[in-house]
Amino acid sequence: MKTHSRWLGLVVFALSLIVCQQARAASITGKVVEVNEGDEITIFNLNRNVRIRLMAIDAPEPSQAFGAVAKQHLLIWCTTKWCRSSIGELVSTIS
């Protein structure tokens, strides 16, 4: 009887690992080719441009005060760097 309960416990544990795995979104990687705003960039991925909004950045719009300055700082910081973004999300990180 003990061996049956051990096997049952092992099977339940294995099934819980399979079922409860975290779903991972597909990600895209590309080189930064353009800075659209202070918090939005365009990357080049698979012969096409993809527009991405950056995570945890709330920059002013271009028409607002310091909008052009925010865009210039982002341009200096991320030009020619690589970016990875998860598909289905609006945000990404730059490495």
Protein backbone atom coordinates (compact mmCIF):
# COMPACT_ATOMS: atom_id res chain seq x y z
CA MET A 1 0.00 0.00 0.00
CA LYS A 2 2.86 2.38 0.80
CA THR A 3 4.43 1.85 -2.61
CA HIS A 4 1.14 2.71 -4.35
CA SER A 5 0.85 5.99 -2.44
CA ARG A 6 4.49 6.82 -3.18
CA TRP A 7 3.97 6.18 -6.90
CA LEU A 8 0.77 8.20 -6.85
CA GLY A 9 2.56 11.06 -5.11
CA LEU A 10 5.38 10.90 -7.65
CA VAL A 11 2.92 10.94 -10.57
CA VAL A 12 0.99 13.88 -9.10
CA PHE A 13 4.23 15.78 -8.56
CA ALA A 14 5.42 15.10 -12.13
CA LEU A 15 2.08 16.16 -13.60
CA SER A 16 2.08 19.35 -11.53
CA LEU A 17 5.52 20.22 -12.88
CA ILE A 18 4.36 19.70 -16.44
CA VAL A 19 1.07 21.58 -16.06
CA CYS A 20 2.37 24.46 -13.97
CA GLN A 21 5.33 25.39 -16.12
CA GLN A 22 5.50 29.05 -16.90
CA ALA A 23 4.39 29.92 -20.40
CA ARG A 24 7.13 31.83 -22.16
CA ALA A 25 6.33 34.38 -24.80
CA ALA A 26 8.33 34.36 -27.97
CA SER A 27 10.91 37.12 -28.11
CA ILE A 28 12.48 39.11 -30.90
CA THR A 29 15.97 40.54 -30.98
CA GLY A 30 17.26 43.28 -33.22
CA LYS A 31 19.61 46.21 -33.56
CA VAL A 32 18.32 49.67 -32.66
CA VAL A 33 18.01 51.68 -35.88
CA GLU A 34 15.89 54.65 -34.83
CA VAL A 35 14.68 56.53 -31.78
CA ASN A 36 11.08 57.62 -32.34
CA GLU A 37 10.44 59.37 -29.02
CA GLY A 38 12.05 59.50 -25.60
CA ASP A 39 10.56 56.10 -24.72
CA GLU A 40 10.06 54.41 -28.10
CA ILE A 41 12.60 52.89 -30.49
CA THR A 42 12.64 50.97 -33.76
CA ILE A 43 14.69 47.80 -34.11
CA PHE A 44 15.64 45.89 -37.26
CA ASN A 45 14.56 42.24 -37.06
CA LEU A 46 14.31 39.71 -39.92
CA ASN A 47 14.41 42.32 -42.69
CA ARG A 48 11.72 44.48 -41.14
CA ASN A 49 11.50 47.32 -38.68
CA VAL A 50 9.67 46.73 -35.39
CA ARG A 51 8.56 49.62 -33.19
CA ILE A 52 8.97 49.02 -29.44
CA ARG A 53 8.07 51.00 -26.34
CA LEU A 54 10.67 50.76 -23.55
CA MET A 55 9.93 49.36 -20.11
CA ALA A 56 9.78 51.65 -17.04
CA ILE A 57 10.41 54.88 -18.97
CA ASP A 58 7.89 57.71 -18.99
CA ALA A 59 9.45 60.35 -21.23
CA PRO A 60 7.69 63.51 -22.37
CA GLU A 61 6.05 63.56 -25.79
CA PRO A 62 7.99 65.42 -28.53
CA SER A 63 5.56 68.35 -28.35
CA GLN A 64 5.96 68.70 -24.57
CA ALA A 65 8.74 70.47 -22.71
CA PHE A 66 12.03 68.53 -22.82
CA GLY A 67 10.63 66.07 -25.38
CA ALA A 68 13.47 66.70 -27.80
CA VAL A 69 16.03 66.44 -24.99
CA ALA A 70 14.63 63.06 -23.87
CA LYS A 71 14.82 61.77 -27.45
CA GLN A 72 18.43 62.99 -27.81
CA HIS A 73 19.52 61.31 -24.57
CA LEU A 74 17.94 58.01 -25.62
CA LEU A 75 19.60 58.33 -29.03
CA ILE A 76 23.03 58.73 -27.42
CA TRP A 77 22.41 55.87 -24.99
CA CYS A 78 21.07 53.16 -27.30
CA THR A 79 22.39 53.80 -30.81
CA THR A 80 23.89 50.60 -32.31
CA LYS A 81 22.87 48.48 -29.28
CA TRP A 82 20.84 45.28 -29.40
CA CYS A 83 17.32 45.01 -28.03
CA ARG A 84 15.28 41.97 -26.97
CA SER A 85 11.51 42.24 -26.65
CA SER A 86 8.79 39.75 -25.81
CA ILE A 87 6.06 39.47 -28.40
CA GLY A 88 2.69 40.38 -26.99
CA GLU A 89 4.16 42.90 -24.60
CA LEU A 90 4.55 46.58 -25.23
CA VAL A 91 7.84 46.84 -23.40
CA SER A 92 11.42 45.67 -23.79
CA THR A 93 14.94 45.95 -22.42
CA ILE A 94 18.13 47.04 -24.19
CA SER A 95 21.46 45.29 -23.69
